[in-house]
Amino acid sequence: MDNTTLWTYSLIAGAVVIVIVALLLILIIQAARRIDYHANEIWEAGKKIAGNTVSIWMLQTTNVVAGDILKTAQSIAGVASDINQKLDTLGQALAKGR
């Protein structure tokens, strides 16, 4: 084998290696883009889920406040009932005194 033939085979082998490396690099870039796309989709879905569920943690506080409001309303209703009974009694006493 002379130098020219050896040189030609070396160039062909180098070209084949470069083509294979280029193809692998293209495949890696495509895979990275797909991963980036799906990661972005997951991120967007996560943001929507977070937006839809952000107020759930506040329900415990809401329940406590609603319970306090109920107790106060029941107390007011009891006092109003007592006032109503006293006014009825006073009205009956005043009506008898006429």
N, C-alpha and C. Protein backbone atom coordinates (compact mmCIF):
# COMPACT_ATOMS: atom_id res chain seq x y z
N MET A 1 0.84 -1.17 0.00
CA MET A 1 0.00 0.00 0.00
C MET A 1 0.89 1.24 0.00
N ASP A 2 0.64 2.09 -0.91
CA ASP A 2 1.46 3.29 -0.98
C ASP A 2 0.86 4.40 -0.11
N ASN A 3 1.57 5.48 -0.01
CA ASN A 3 1.16 6.59 0.87
C ASN A 3 -0.14 7.24 0.41
N THR A 4 -0.38 7.33 -0.84
CA THR A 4 -1.59 7.96 -1.36
C THR A 4 -2.82 7.16 -0.98
N THR A 5 -2.74 5.85 -1.10
CA THR A 5 -3.86 4.99 -0.75
C THR A 5 -4.12 5.05 0.76
N LEU A 6 -3.10 5.00 1.53
CA LEU A 6 -3.23 5.10 2.98
C LEU A 6 -3.84 6.45 3.38
N TRP A 7 -3.37 7.49 2.74
CA TRP A 7 -3.89 8.84 2.99
C TRP A 7 -5.37 8.90 2.61
N THR A 8 -5.78 8.33 1.52
CA THR A 8 -7.18 8.33 1.07
C THR A 8 -8.05 7.58 2.06
N TYR A 9 -7.60 6.40 2.50
CA TYR A 9 -8.37 5.64 3.47
C TYR A 9 -8.51 6.40 4.79
N SER A 10 -7.49 7.07 5.20
CA SER A 10 -7.54 7.86 6.43
C SER A 10 -8.53 9.01 6.30
N LEU A 11 -8.54 9.67 5.17
CA LEU A 11 -9.50 10.76 4.94
C LEU A 11 -10.93 10.24 4.93
N ILE A 12 -11.14 9.10 4.30
CA ILE A 12 -12.49 8.51 4.26
C ILE A 12 -12.93 8.11 5.66
N ALA A 13 -12.05 7.50 6.43
CA ALA A 13 -12.39 7.11 7.80
C ALA A 13 -12.68 8.35 8.65
N GLY A 14 -11.89 9.39 8.50
CA GLY A 14 -12.13 10.64 9.23
C GLY A 14 -13.47 11.26 8.86
N ALA A 15 -13.80 11.23 7.57
CA ALA A 15 -15.07 11.79 7.11
C ALA A 15 -16.24 11.00 7.68
N VAL A 16 -16.11 9.66 7.72
CA VAL A 16 -17.16 8.82 8.29
C VAL A 16 -17.34 9.13 9.77
N VAL A 17 -16.25 9.28 10.49
CA VAL A 17 -16.33 9.60 11.92
C VAL A 17 -16.99 10.96 12.11
N ILE A 18 -16.64 11.93 11.30
CA ILE A 18 -17.24 13.27 11.41
C ILE A 18 -18.73 13.21 11.13
N VAL A 19 -19.14 12.45 10.13
CA VAL A 19 -20.57 12.32 9.81
C VAL A 19 -21.31 11.64 10.97
N ILE A 20 -20.74 10.59 11.53
CA ILE A 20 -21.38 9.90 12.66
C ILE A 20 -21.50 10.83 13.86
N VAL A 21 -20.44 11.56 14.15
CA VAL A 21 -20.47 12.50 15.28
C VAL A 21 -21.50 13.59 15.03
N ALA A 22 -21.57 14.09 13.80
CA ALA A 22 -22.56 15.12 13.47
C ALA A 22 -23.98 14.59 13.64
N LEU A 23 -24.24 13.36 13.19
CA LEU A 23 -25.57 12.76 13.34
C LEU A 23 -25.92 12.58 14.82
N LEU A 24 -24.96 12.10 15.60
CA LEU A 24 -25.21 11.93 17.04
C LEU A 24 -25.47 13.27 17.71
N LEU A 25 -24.74 14.29 17.31
CA LEU A 25 -24.95 15.62 17.87
C LEU A 25 -26.33 16.16 17.51
N ILE A 26 -26.76 15.93 16.28
CA ILE A 26 -28.11 16.34 15.86
C ILE A 26 -29.17 15.62 16.68
N LEU A 27 -28.98 14.32 16.91
CA LEU A 27 -29.93 13.55 17.72
C LEU A 27 -29.96 14.05 19.17
N ILE A 28 -28.80 14.39 19.70
CA ILE A 28 -28.74 14.92 21.07
C ILE A 28 -29.46 16.27 21.14
N ILE A 29 -29.26 17.13 20.16
CA ILE A 29 -29.94 18.43 20.15
C ILE A 29 -31.45 18.25 20.06
N GLN A 30 -31.90 17.34 19.21
CA GLN A 30 -33.34 17.08 19.10
C GLN A 30 -33.91 16.56 20.41
N ALA A 31 -33.21 15.65 21.06
CA ALA A 31 -33.66 15.11 22.35
C ALA A 31 -33.71 16.22 23.40
N ALA A 32 -32.72 17.09 23.40
CA ALA A 32 -32.70 18.21 24.36
C ALA A 32 -33.87 19.15 24.12
N ARG A 33 -34.20 19.40 22.87
CA ARG A 33 -35.35 20.27 22.56
C ARG A 33 -36.66 19.63 23.01
N ARG A 34 -36.78 18.30 22.80
CA ARG A 34 -38.00 17.61 23.25
C ARG A 34 -38.10 17.66 24.78
N ILE A 35 -36.98 17.44 25.44
CA ILE A 35 -36.97 17.51 26.91
C ILE A 35 -37.36 18.91 27.37
N ASP A 36 -36.81 19.92 26.74
CA ASP A 36 -37.13 21.31 27.10
C ASP A 36 -38.61 21.60 26.87
N TYR A 37 -39.15 21.12 25.76
CA TYR A 37 -40.57 21.33 25.46
C TYR A 37 -41.45 20.68 26.53
N HIS A 38 -41.17 19.43 26.86
CA HIS A 38 -41.97 18.72 27.85
C HIS A 38 -41.79 19.31 29.25
N ALA A 39 -40.58 19.74 29.57
CA ALA A 39 -40.35 20.39 30.86
C ALA A 39 -41.15 21.69 30.95
N ASN A 40 -41.23 22.43 29.86
CA ASN A 40 -42.02 23.66 29.83
C ASN A 40 -43.51 23.35 30.00
N GLU A 41 -43.98 22.30 29.36
CA GLU A 41 -45.38 21.90 29.50
C GLU A 41 -45.68 21.52 30.96
N ILE A 42 -44.77 20.78 31.58
CA ILE A 42 -44.94 20.40 32.98
C ILE A 42 -44.95 21.65 33.86
N TRP A 43 -44.06 22.59 33.58
CA TRP A 43 -43.99 23.83 34.35
C TRP A 43 -45.30 24.60 34.24
N GLU A 44 -45.83 24.73 33.03
CA GLU A 44 -47.09 25.45 32.82
C GLU A 44 -48.24 24.75 33.55
N ALA A 45 -48.29 23.42 33.47
CA ALA A 45 -49.34 22.68 34.17
C ALA A 45 -49.21 22.87 35.67
N GLY A 46 -47.99 22.86 36.17
CA GLY A 46 -47.76 23.07 37.60
C GLY A 46 -48.21 24.45 38.05
N LYS A 47 -47.95 25.46 37.23
CA LYS A 47 -48.39 26.82 37.57
C LYS A 47 -49.92 26.90 37.60
N LYS A 48 -50.58 26.22 36.67
CA LYS A 48 -52.04 26.23 36.66
C LYS A 48 -52.59 25.52 37.89
N ILE A 49 -52.00 24.40 38.24
CA ILE A 49 -52.43 23.67 39.44
C ILE A 49 -52.24 24.53 40.67
N ALA A 50 -51.09 25.18 40.77
CA ALA A 50 -50.82 26.04 41.91
C ALA A 50 -51.82 27.20 41.98
N GLY A 51 -52.13 27.77 40.82
CA GLY A 51 -53.10 28.86 40.78
C GLY A 51 -54.49 28.41 41.19
N ASN A 52 -54.84 27.19 40.83
CA ASN A 52 -56.17 26.69 41.16
C ASN A 52 -56.29 26.22 42.60
N THR A 53 -55.18 25.92 43.24
CA THR A 53 -55.24 25.36 44.60
C THR A 53 -54.66 26.29 45.65
N VAL A 54 -54.30 27.51 45.28
CA VAL A 54 -53.64 28.42 46.22
C VAL A 54 -54.53 28.75 47.41
N SER A 55 -55.82 28.79 47.23
CA SER A 55 -56.70 29.20 48.33
C SER A 55 -57.10 28.05 49.25
N ILE A 56 -56.74 26.83 48.92
CA ILE A 56 -57.14 25.69 49.75
C ILE A 56 -56.55 25.80 51.15
N TRP A 57 -55.31 26.25 51.27
CA TRP A 57 -54.68 26.33 52.59
C TRP A 57 -55.37 27.37 53.46
N MET A 58 -56.07 28.31 52.84
CA MET A 58 -56.75 29.34 53.60
C MET A 58 -58.10 28.86 54.14
N LEU A 59 -58.57 27.70 53.72
CA LEU A 59 -59.87 27.20 54.18
C LEU A 59 -59.89 26.94 55.68
N GLN A 60 -58.79 26.50 56.25
CA GLN A 60 -58.74 26.26 57.69
C GLN A 60 -59.00 27.57 58.44
N THR A 61 -58.35 28.63 58.03
CA THR A 61 -58.57 29.94 58.64
C THR A 61 -60.01 30.39 58.42
N THR A 62 -60.53 30.17 57.23
CA THR A 62 -61.90 30.55 56.93
C THR A 62 -62.87 29.79 57.83
N ASN A 63 -62.63 28.51 58.03
CA ASN A 63 -63.50 27.70 58.89
C ASN A 63 -63.48 28.20 60.33
N VAL A 64 -62.31 28.58 60.83
CA VAL A 64 -62.20 29.10 62.19
C VAL A 64 -62.96 30.41 62.32
N VAL A 65 -62.78 31.30 61.36
CA VAL A 65 -63.47 32.60 61.39
C VAL A 65 -64.98 32.40 61.26
N ALA A 66 -65.39 31.49 60.38
CA ALA A 66 -66.82 31.22 60.23
C ALA A 66 -67.42 30.67 61.53
N GLY A 67 -66.67 29.83 62.22
CA GLY A 67 -67.14 29.32 63.52
C GLY A 67 -67.28 30.44 64.54
N ASP A 68 -66.34 31.37 64.57
CA ASP A 68 -66.43 32.52 65.47
C ASP A 68 -67.64 33.39 65.13
N ILE A 69 -67.85 33.60 63.84
CA ILE A 69 -69.02 34.40 63.40
C ILE A 69 -70.31 33.71 63.82
N LEU A 70 -70.38 32.39 63.68
CA LEU A 70 -71.57 31.65 64.07
C LEU A 70 -71.83 31.78 65.57
N LYS A 71 -70.78 31.64 66.38
CA LYS A 71 -70.95 31.79 67.83
C LYS A 71 -71.46 33.19 68.18
N THR A 72 -70.88 34.21 67.54
CA THR A 72 -71.32 35.59 67.80
C THR A 72 -72.76 35.80 67.36
N ALA A 73 -73.11 35.27 66.19
CA ALA A 73 -74.49 35.41 65.70
C ALA A 73 -75.47 34.70 66.62
N GLN A 74 -75.09 33.53 67.12
CA GLN A 74 -75.97 32.82 68.04
C GLN A 74 -76.13 33.60 69.35
N SER A 75 -75.05 34.23 69.81
CA SER A 75 -75.11 35.05 71.02
C SER A 75 -76.02 36.25 70.80
N ILE A 76 -75.88 36.89 69.65
CA ILE A 76 -76.74 38.04 69.33
C ILE A 76 -78.20 37.61 69.23
N ALA A 77 -78.44 36.45 68.62
CA ALA A 77 -79.81 35.96 68.49
C ALA A 77 -80.41 35.69 69.87
N GLY A 78 -79.60 35.14 70.79
CA GLY A 78 -80.10 34.88 72.16
C GLY A 78 -80.43 36.17 72.88
N VAL A 79 -79.54 37.17 72.78
CA VAL A 79 -79.79 38.47 73.42
C VAL A 79 -81.00 39.15 72.80
N ALA A 80 -81.14 39.07 71.46
CA ALA A 80 -82.29 39.68 70.79
C ALA A 80 -83.57 39.00 71.22
N SER A 81 -83.55 37.70 71.41
CA SER A 81 -84.73 36.98 71.88
C SER A 81 -85.10 37.42 73.30
N ASP A 82 -84.10 37.59 74.17
CA ASP A 82 -84.36 38.07 75.53
C ASP A 82 -84.96 39.47 75.50
N ILE A 83 -84.40 40.34 74.65
CA ILE A 83 -84.93 41.71 74.54
C ILE A 83 -86.36 41.67 74.03
N ASN A 84 -86.64 40.81 73.07
CA ASN A 84 -87.98 40.70 72.52
C ASN A 84 -88.96 40.24 73.59
N GLN A 85 -88.57 39.27 74.40
CA GLN A 85 -89.45 38.79 75.47
C GLN A 85 -89.70 39.89 76.50
N LYS A 86 -88.66 40.64 76.85
CA LYS A 86 -88.83 41.73 77.82
C LYS A 86 -89.72 42.82 77.27
N LEU A 87 -89.58 43.12 75.97
CA LEU A 87 -90.44 44.14 75.37
C LEU A 87 -91.89 43.66 75.32
N ASP A 88 -92.09 42.37 75.04
CA ASP A 88 -93.45 41.82 75.05
C ASP A 88 -94.05 41.92 76.45
N THR A 89 -93.25 41.58 77.45
CA THR A 89 -93.73 41.65 78.82
C THR A 89 -94.04 43.09 79.20
N LEU A 90 -93.17 44.02 78.82
CA LEU A 90 -93.39 45.44 79.12
C LEU A 90 -94.63 45.93 78.39
N GLY A 91 -94.80 45.51 77.16
CA GLY A 91 -95.98 45.94 76.38
C GLY A 91 -97.27 45.42 77.01
N GLN A 92 -97.24 44.19 77.48
CA GLN A 92 -98.44 43.63 78.15
C GLN A 92 -98.71 44.36 79.46
N ALA A 93 -97.64 44.70 80.19
CA ALA A 93 -97.83 45.41 81.47
C ALA A 93 -98.36 46.79 81.22
N LEU A 94 -97.88 47.46 80.20
CA LEU A 94 -98.37 48.81 79.88
C LEU A 94 -99.82 48.76 79.39
N ALA A 95 -100.15 47.68 78.65
CA ALA A 95 -101.52 47.58 78.16
C ALA A 95 -102.48 47.34 79.29
N LYS A 96 -102.08 46.62 80.32
CA LYS A 96 -102.94 46.37 81.47
C LYS A 96 -103.13 47.63 82.31
N GLY A 97 -102.12 48.46 82.33
CA GLY A 97 -102.16 49.67 83.15
C GLY A 97 -103.04 50.73 82.54
N ARG A 98 -103.54 50.61 81.39
CA ARG A 98 -104.37 51.64 80.77
C ARG A 98 -105.72 51.58 81.26
